C-alpha cells in the first residue's frame, strides 16, 4: 500500500469513513459517567436542605451551614482529583476509583434514610455527604 493510500485510509478513519466513530470508546464512558454523576448530584442537592431540616431535625441555620459547606467542598475537591490524576493514577483510573467513592457516599446516604435499619441517620448522612464531596473531585 502506498503512502497516499495510507494517508487516505487514516483520514477516512479519522473522519468516520468505514462506519467507525471518530472518538475512542472511553470518551462515551466518561461522558456517561459524568452525566449520571451530575444528575445524581443536582437531584440530591435540590432536596438536601429540606432533608437536613425536616428529617434529621437540624436547625435551619445548621442545615444551611452543612448545605453550603458541602457545596463548597464539591467545587474544591476537583483540584485534588486533578493532582491525583496527573501525578499518580492517570485520568481513567482516577475517574473509576473516585466514582466508586462517590457511589459509596450515595449508598450511605440512602441507607441512613431508611429508619428500620437502626443506623444513626445523622452520622451516616454526614459521612455520605463527605464521600460524595470527595467523589465529585474525580
N, C-alpha and C. Protein backbone atom coordinates (compact mmCIF):
# COMPACT_ATOMS: atom_id res chain seq x y z
N UNK A 1 0.85 -1.16 0.00
CA UNK A 1 0.00 0.00 0.00
C UNK A 1 0.90 1.23 0.00
N UNK A 2 0.62 2.16 -0.85
CA UNK A 2 1.45 3.35 -0.98
C UNK A 2 1.18 4.36 0.12
N UNK A 3 2.04 5.38 0.18
CA UNK A 3 1.90 6.41 1.22
C UNK A 3 0.60 7.18 1.07
N UNK A 4 0.21 7.44 -0.18
CA UNK A 4 -1.02 8.20 -0.42
C UNK A 4 -2.23 7.40 0.07
N UNK A 5 -2.24 6.09 -0.19
CA UNK A 5 -3.36 5.25 0.25
C UNK A 5 -3.40 5.15 1.77
N UNK A 6 -2.23 5.06 2.42
CA UNK A 6 -2.20 5.01 3.88
C UNK A 6 -2.75 6.30 4.48
N UNK A 7 -2.34 7.44 3.90
CA UNK A 7 -2.84 8.73 4.40
C UNK A 7 -4.34 8.84 4.20
N UNK A 8 -4.83 8.40 3.05
CA UNK A 8 -6.25 8.46 2.77
C UNK A 8 -7.01 7.56 3.75
N UNK A 9 -6.48 6.38 4.02
CA UNK A 9 -7.13 5.45 4.94
C UNK A 9 -7.18 6.04 6.34
N UNK A 10 -6.09 6.63 6.79
CA UNK A 10 -6.06 7.24 8.12
C UNK A 10 -7.03 8.41 8.19
N UNK A 11 -7.10 9.20 7.11
CA UNK A 11 -8.01 10.34 7.08
C UNK A 11 -9.45 9.85 7.10
N UNK A 12 -9.77 8.80 6.35
CA UNK A 12 -11.12 8.27 6.32
C UNK A 12 -11.52 7.73 7.70
N UNK A 13 -10.58 7.07 8.37
CA UNK A 13 -10.88 6.55 9.70
C UNK A 13 -11.11 7.69 10.68
N UNK A 14 -10.31 8.74 10.56
CA UNK A 14 -10.47 9.89 11.46
C UNK A 14 -11.78 10.62 11.20
N UNK A 15 -12.24 10.64 9.98
CA UNK A 15 -13.49 11.32 9.65
C UNK A 15 -14.70 10.41 9.81
N UNK A 16 -14.49 9.20 10.21
CA UNK A 16 -15.61 8.29 10.39
C UNK A 16 -15.91 7.54 9.12
N UNK A 17 -14.95 7.41 8.26
CA UNK A 17 -15.06 6.73 6.97
C UNK A 17 -15.58 5.33 7.10
N UNK A 18 -15.16 4.36 7.50
CA UNK A 18 -15.59 2.98 7.46
C UNK A 18 -16.69 2.66 8.47
N UNK A 19 -17.55 3.62 8.75
CA UNK A 19 -18.65 3.39 9.68
C UNK A 19 -18.20 3.43 11.14
N UNK A 20 -16.97 3.80 11.37
CA UNK A 20 -16.47 3.87 12.74
C UNK A 20 -16.68 5.27 13.30
N UNK A 21 -16.83 5.34 14.59
CA UNK A 21 -16.97 6.62 15.27
C UNK A 21 -15.56 7.20 15.46
N UNK A 22 -15.37 8.48 15.21
CA UNK A 22 -14.02 9.04 15.29
C UNK A 22 -13.50 9.26 16.71
N UNK A 23 -14.25 8.84 17.72
CA UNK A 23 -13.83 9.04 19.10
C UNK A 23 -13.47 7.70 19.72
N UNK A 24 -12.55 7.70 20.67
CA UNK A 24 -12.28 6.46 21.41
C UNK A 24 -13.50 6.05 22.24
N UNK A 25 -13.64 4.77 22.49
CA UNK A 25 -14.78 4.28 23.27
C UNK A 25 -14.80 4.86 24.68
N UNK A 26 -13.63 5.15 25.22
CA UNK A 26 -13.56 5.67 26.58
C UNK A 26 -14.23 7.03 26.71
N UNK A 27 -14.32 7.79 25.63
CA UNK A 27 -14.99 9.10 25.68
C UNK A 27 -16.45 8.93 26.06
N UNK A 28 -17.11 7.95 25.51
CA UNK A 28 -18.53 7.73 25.80
C UNK A 28 -18.73 7.26 27.23
N UNK A 29 -17.79 6.49 27.75
CA UNK A 29 -17.88 6.05 29.14
C UNK A 29 -17.71 7.24 30.07
N UNK A 30 -16.77 8.11 29.77
CA UNK A 30 -16.55 9.29 30.61
C UNK A 30 -17.75 10.22 30.56
N UNK A 31 -18.29 10.46 29.37
CA UNK A 31 -19.46 11.34 29.23
C UNK A 31 -20.66 10.74 29.96
N UNK A 32 -20.89 9.44 29.82
CA UNK A 32 -21.99 8.79 30.53
C UNK A 32 -21.83 8.85 32.03
N UNK A 33 -20.61 8.62 32.50
CA UNK A 33 -20.32 8.69 33.92
C UNK A 33 -20.57 10.11 34.45
N UNK A 34 -20.09 11.10 33.73
CA UNK A 34 -20.27 12.49 34.15
C UNK A 34 -21.75 12.88 34.15
N UNK A 35 -22.50 12.41 33.17
CA UNK A 35 -23.93 12.69 33.12
C UNK A 35 -24.64 12.12 34.34
N UNK A 36 -24.36 10.85 34.65
CA UNK A 36 -25.01 10.22 35.80
C UNK A 36 -24.60 10.88 37.11
N UNK A 37 -23.32 11.26 37.20
CA UNK A 37 -22.83 11.92 38.41
C UNK A 37 -23.53 13.26 38.61
N UNK A 38 -23.61 14.06 37.57
CA UNK A 38 -24.25 15.38 37.69
C UNK A 38 -25.74 15.24 37.99
N UNK A 39 -26.40 14.27 37.36
CA UNK A 39 -27.82 14.05 37.59
C UNK A 39 -28.08 13.70 39.05
N UNK A 40 -27.29 12.79 39.60
CA UNK A 40 -27.50 12.40 40.99
C UNK A 40 -27.10 13.51 41.95
N UNK A 41 -26.04 14.25 41.62
CA UNK A 41 -25.58 15.34 42.49
C UNK A 41 -26.63 16.44 42.59
N UNK A 42 -27.08 16.95 41.45
CA UNK A 42 -28.04 18.05 41.49
C UNK A 42 -29.41 17.60 41.97
N UNK A 43 -29.78 16.37 41.70
CA UNK A 43 -31.04 15.85 42.22
C UNK A 43 -31.02 15.75 43.73
N UNK A 44 -29.91 15.28 44.28
CA UNK A 44 -29.79 15.15 45.73
C UNK A 44 -29.63 16.53 46.38
N UNK A 45 -28.88 17.41 45.74
CA UNK A 45 -28.63 18.74 46.31
C UNK A 45 -29.91 19.57 46.37
N UNK A 46 -30.82 19.32 45.45
CA UNK A 46 -32.07 20.08 45.42
C UNK A 46 -32.91 19.89 46.67
N UNK A 47 -32.84 18.71 47.27
CA UNK A 47 -33.66 18.44 48.46
C UNK A 47 -32.83 18.28 49.73
N UNK A 48 -31.53 18.55 49.64
CA UNK A 48 -30.65 18.32 50.79
C UNK A 48 -31.03 19.19 51.98
N UNK A 49 -31.28 20.46 51.76
CA UNK A 49 -31.64 21.35 52.86
C UNK A 49 -32.92 20.92 53.56
N UNK A 50 -33.89 20.50 52.78
CA UNK A 50 -35.16 20.03 53.35
C UNK A 50 -34.93 18.75 54.16
N UNK A 51 -34.13 17.85 53.62
CA UNK A 51 -33.83 16.59 54.32
C UNK A 51 -33.13 16.86 55.64
N UNK A 52 -32.14 17.74 55.62
CA UNK A 52 -31.41 18.03 56.86
C UNK A 52 -32.32 18.68 57.91
N UNK A 53 -33.19 19.57 57.46
CA UNK A 53 -34.03 20.31 58.41
C UNK A 53 -35.23 19.49 58.87
N UNK A 54 -35.95 18.89 57.95
CA UNK A 54 -37.21 18.22 58.30
C UNK A 54 -37.01 16.79 58.81
N UNK A 55 -36.12 16.03 58.19
CA UNK A 55 -35.97 14.62 58.58
C UNK A 55 -34.91 14.39 59.65
N UNK A 56 -33.81 15.13 59.57
CA UNK A 56 -32.75 14.95 60.58
C UNK A 56 -32.92 15.93 61.75
N UNK A 57 -33.92 16.80 61.66
CA UNK A 57 -34.29 17.72 62.73
C UNK A 57 -33.14 18.63 63.15
N UNK A 58 -32.39 19.10 62.19
CA UNK A 58 -31.37 20.10 62.46
C UNK A 58 -32.00 21.48 62.37
N UNK A 59 -31.41 22.43 63.04
CA UNK A 59 -31.94 23.79 62.94
C UNK A 59 -31.72 24.30 61.52
N UNK A 60 -32.46 25.34 61.18
CA UNK A 60 -32.33 25.88 59.83
C UNK A 60 -30.93 26.45 59.59
N UNK A 61 -30.36 27.06 60.62
CA UNK A 61 -29.01 27.60 60.49
C UNK A 61 -27.98 26.49 60.27
N UNK A 62 -28.10 25.44 61.05
CA UNK A 62 -27.14 24.33 60.93
C UNK A 62 -27.31 23.63 59.58
N UNK A 63 -28.54 23.47 59.13
CA UNK A 63 -28.80 22.86 57.81
C UNK A 63 -28.17 23.70 56.70
N UNK A 64 -28.29 25.01 56.81
CA UNK A 64 -27.72 25.90 55.80
C UNK A 64 -26.21 25.82 55.80
N UNK A 65 -25.60 25.76 56.97
CA UNK A 65 -24.14 25.66 57.05
C UNK A 65 -23.66 24.35 56.43
N UNK A 66 -24.31 23.25 56.74
CA UNK A 66 -23.92 21.95 56.18
C UNK A 66 -24.11 21.95 54.67
N UNK A 67 -25.21 22.51 54.20
CA UNK A 67 -25.51 22.57 52.77
C UNK A 67 -24.41 23.34 52.02
N UNK A 68 -24.06 24.51 52.52
CA UNK A 68 -23.09 25.34 51.82
C UNK A 68 -21.66 24.80 51.98
N UNK A 69 -21.36 24.18 53.10
CA UNK A 69 -20.06 23.54 53.26
C UNK A 69 -19.91 22.38 52.28
N UNK A 70 -20.98 21.61 52.14
CA UNK A 70 -20.97 20.51 51.17
C UNK A 70 -20.77 21.03 49.75
N UNK A 71 -21.50 22.08 49.39
CA UNK A 71 -21.36 22.65 48.04
C UNK A 71 -19.95 23.18 47.82
N UNK A 72 -19.37 23.82 48.82
CA UNK A 72 -18.01 24.35 48.70
C UNK A 72 -17.01 23.22 48.50
N UNK A 73 -17.15 22.16 49.26
CA UNK A 73 -16.23 21.02 49.12
C UNK A 73 -16.37 20.36 47.75
N UNK A 74 -17.58 20.30 47.24
CA UNK A 74 -17.80 19.70 45.92
C UNK A 74 -17.11 20.48 44.81
N UNK A 75 -17.01 21.78 44.97
CA UNK A 75 -16.34 22.60 43.97
C UNK A 75 -14.84 22.75 44.23
N UNK A 76 -14.40 22.37 45.43
CA UNK A 76 -12.99 22.49 45.79
C UNK A 76 -12.20 21.21 45.55
N UNK A 77 -12.82 20.05 45.77
CA UNK A 77 -12.10 18.78 45.66
C UNK A 77 -11.62 18.41 44.25
N UNK A 78 -12.18 18.94 43.17
CA UNK A 78 -11.59 18.61 41.87
C UNK A 78 -10.14 19.03 41.71
N UNK A 79 -9.68 19.98 42.52
CA UNK A 79 -8.26 20.34 42.49
C UNK A 79 -7.42 19.13 42.91
N UNK A 80 -7.85 18.43 43.95
CA UNK A 80 -7.13 17.25 44.41
C UNK A 80 -7.29 16.09 43.43
N UNK A 81 -8.47 15.98 42.83
CA UNK A 81 -8.68 14.94 41.82
C UNK A 81 -7.75 15.13 40.64
N UNK A 82 -7.53 16.39 40.25
CA UNK A 82 -6.61 16.67 39.14
C UNK A 82 -5.18 16.30 39.52
N UNK A 83 -4.79 16.59 40.75
CA UNK A 83 -3.43 16.23 41.19
C UNK A 83 -3.24 14.71 41.22
N UNK A 84 -4.24 14.01 41.69
CA UNK A 84 -4.16 12.54 41.72
C UNK A 84 -4.07 11.99 40.31
N UNK A 85 -4.88 12.53 39.41
CA UNK A 85 -4.88 12.05 38.03
C UNK A 85 -3.56 12.36 37.34
N UNK A 86 -3.01 13.53 37.55
CA UNK A 86 -1.79 13.94 36.86
C UNK A 86 -0.54 13.27 37.42
N UNK A 87 -0.50 13.05 38.74
CA UNK A 87 0.74 12.59 39.36
C UNK A 87 0.75 11.12 39.73
N UNK A 88 -0.41 10.53 39.96
CA UNK A 88 -0.42 9.17 40.49
C UNK A 88 -1.07 8.13 39.57
N UNK A 89 -2.35 8.29 39.33
CA UNK A 89 -3.12 7.20 38.73
C UNK A 89 -3.38 7.34 37.24
N UNK A 90 -3.43 8.54 36.74
CA UNK A 90 -3.89 8.74 35.37
C UNK A 90 -5.37 9.04 35.39
N UNK A 91 -5.86 9.62 34.30
CA UNK A 91 -7.23 10.12 34.32
C UNK A 91 -8.29 9.02 34.37
N UNK A 92 -8.09 7.92 33.67
CA UNK A 92 -9.14 6.90 33.63
C UNK A 92 -9.25 6.16 34.95
N UNK A 93 -8.13 5.77 35.54
CA UNK A 93 -8.17 5.09 36.84
C UNK A 93 -8.71 6.02 37.91
N UNK A 94 -8.35 7.30 37.84
CA UNK A 94 -8.86 8.26 38.81
C UNK A 94 -10.37 8.36 38.73
N UNK A 95 -10.89 8.42 37.52
CA UNK A 95 -12.34 8.51 37.33
C UNK A 95 -13.03 7.27 37.90
N UNK A 96 -12.48 6.11 37.62
CA UNK A 96 -13.10 4.86 38.10
C UNK A 96 -13.05 4.78 39.62
N UNK A 97 -11.88 5.01 40.21
CA UNK A 97 -11.75 4.85 41.66
C UNK A 97 -12.56 5.89 42.43
N UNK A 98 -12.50 7.12 41.97
CA UNK A 98 -13.22 8.16 42.70
C UNK A 98 -14.73 8.05 42.46
N UNK A 99 -15.13 7.50 41.34
CA UNK A 99 -16.56 7.25 41.12
C UNK A 99 -17.08 6.20 42.09
N UNK A 100 -16.24 5.25 42.45
CA UNK A 100 -16.64 4.26 43.45
C UNK A 100 -16.86 4.92 44.81
N UNK A 101 -16.00 5.87 45.17
CA UNK A 101 -16.18 6.61 46.42
C UNK A 101 -17.49 7.40 46.36
N UNK A 102 -17.77 7.98 45.21
CA UNK A 102 -19.00 8.76 45.01
C UNK A 102 -20.24 7.88 45.21
N UNK A 103 -20.22 6.71 44.61
CA UNK A 103 -21.36 5.79 44.73
C UNK A 103 -21.51 5.31 46.17
N UNK A 104 -20.40 5.07 46.86
CA UNK A 104 -20.45 4.67 48.25
C UNK A 104 -21.08 5.77 49.11
N UNK A 105 -20.78 7.02 48.80
CA UNK A 105 -21.41 8.13 49.52
C UNK A 105 -22.91 8.16 49.34
N UNK A 106 -23.36 7.95 48.12
CA UNK A 106 -24.81 7.92 47.87
C UNK A 106 -25.45 6.71 48.56
N UNK A 107 -24.74 5.60 48.57
CA UNK A 107 -25.26 4.40 49.25
C UNK A 107 -25.41 4.65 50.75
N UNK A 108 -24.43 5.29 51.36
CA UNK A 108 -24.53 5.59 52.80
C UNK A 108 -25.68 6.55 53.08
N UNK A 109 -25.86 7.55 52.24
CA UNK A 109 -26.98 8.48 52.44
C UNK A 109 -28.31 7.76 52.29
N UNK A 110 -28.38 6.84 51.34
CA UNK A 110 -29.61 6.09 51.14
C UNK A 110 -29.91 5.20 52.34
N UNK A 111 -28.89 4.51 52.83
CA UNK A 111 -29.08 3.64 53.99
C UNK A 111 -29.44 4.44 55.23
N UNK A 112 -28.90 5.65 55.36
CA UNK A 112 -29.21 6.49 56.51
C UNK A 112 -30.66 6.95 56.50
N UNK A 113 -31.27 6.99 55.34
CA UNK A 113 -32.65 7.46 55.23
C UNK A 113 -33.67 6.36 55.51
N UNK A 114 -33.22 5.13 55.71
CA UNK A 114 -34.13 4.02 55.99
C UNK A 114 -34.20 3.83 57.51
N UNK A 115 -35.31 4.20 58.14
CA UNK A 115 -35.36 4.18 59.61
C UNK A 115 -35.34 2.78 60.21
N UNK A 116 -35.80 1.77 59.49
CA UNK A 116 -35.88 0.42 60.07
C UNK A 116 -34.53 -0.26 60.20
N UNK A 117 -33.48 0.29 59.61
CA UNK A 117 -32.15 -0.32 59.72
C UNK A 117 -31.51 -0.07 61.08
N UNK A 118 -31.92 0.98 61.74
CA UNK A 118 -31.41 1.26 63.08
C UNK A 118 -30.02 1.86 63.09
N UNK A 119 -29.55 2.39 62.00
CA UNK A 119 -28.23 3.03 61.98
C UNK A 119 -28.43 4.52 62.27
N UNK A 120 -27.42 5.16 62.85
CA UNK A 120 -27.58 6.59 63.16
C UNK A 120 -27.67 7.43 61.88
N UNK A 121 -28.82 8.04 61.62
CA UNK A 121 -29.01 8.72 60.34
C UNK A 121 -28.16 9.98 60.17
N UNK A 122 -27.95 10.74 61.22
CA UNK A 122 -27.18 11.97 61.08
C UNK A 122 -25.72 11.67 60.74
N UNK A 123 -25.12 10.75 61.46
CA UNK A 123 -23.71 10.42 61.24
C UNK A 123 -23.50 9.81 59.85
N UNK A 124 -24.37 8.89 59.47
CA UNK A 124 -24.22 8.26 58.16
C UNK A 124 -24.50 9.24 57.03
N UNK A 125 -25.45 10.15 57.25
CA UNK A 125 -25.73 11.16 56.23
C UNK A 125 -24.54 12.10 56.04
N UNK A 126 -23.94 12.53 57.13
CA UNK A 126 -22.79 13.42 57.02
C UNK A 126 -21.58 12.71 56.42
N UNK A 127 -21.39 11.45 56.79
CA UNK A 127 -20.31 10.67 56.18
C UNK A 127 -20.56 10.47 54.70
N UNK A 128 -21.80 10.21 54.33
CA UNK A 128 -22.16 10.08 52.92
C UNK A 128 -21.91 11.37 52.16
N UNK A 129 -22.27 12.50 52.77
CA UNK A 129 -22.01 13.79 52.12
C UNK A 129 -20.52 14.03 51.93
N UNK A 130 -19.72 13.65 52.93
CA UNK A 130 -18.27 13.81 52.81
C UNK A 130 -17.72 12.96 51.67
N UNK A 131 -18.19 11.72 51.56
CA UNK A 131 -17.73 10.85 50.47
C UNK A 131 -18.18 11.36 49.10
N UNK A 132 -19.38 11.91 49.04
CA UNK A 132 -19.85 12.48 47.78
C UNK A 132 -19.00 13.68 47.40
N UNK A 133 -18.66 14.51 48.38
CA UNK A 133 -17.82 15.68 48.10
C UNK A 133 -16.44 15.24 47.60
N UNK A 134 -15.89 14.20 48.19
CA UNK A 134 -14.60 13.67 47.72
C UNK A 134 -14.77 13.07 46.33
N UNK A 135 -15.85 12.35 46.13
CA UNK A 135 -16.09 11.71 44.84
C UNK A 135 -16.36 12.68 43.72
N UNK A 136 -16.82 13.86 44.04
CA UNK A 136 -17.04 14.86 43.00
C UNK A 136 -15.72 15.34 42.41
N UNK A 137 -14.65 15.13 43.14
CA UNK A 137 -13.34 15.58 42.68
C UNK A 137 -12.70 14.71 41.62
N UNK A 138 -13.35 13.65 41.21
CA UNK A 138 -12.72 12.74 40.26
C UNK A 138 -13.09 12.88 38.86
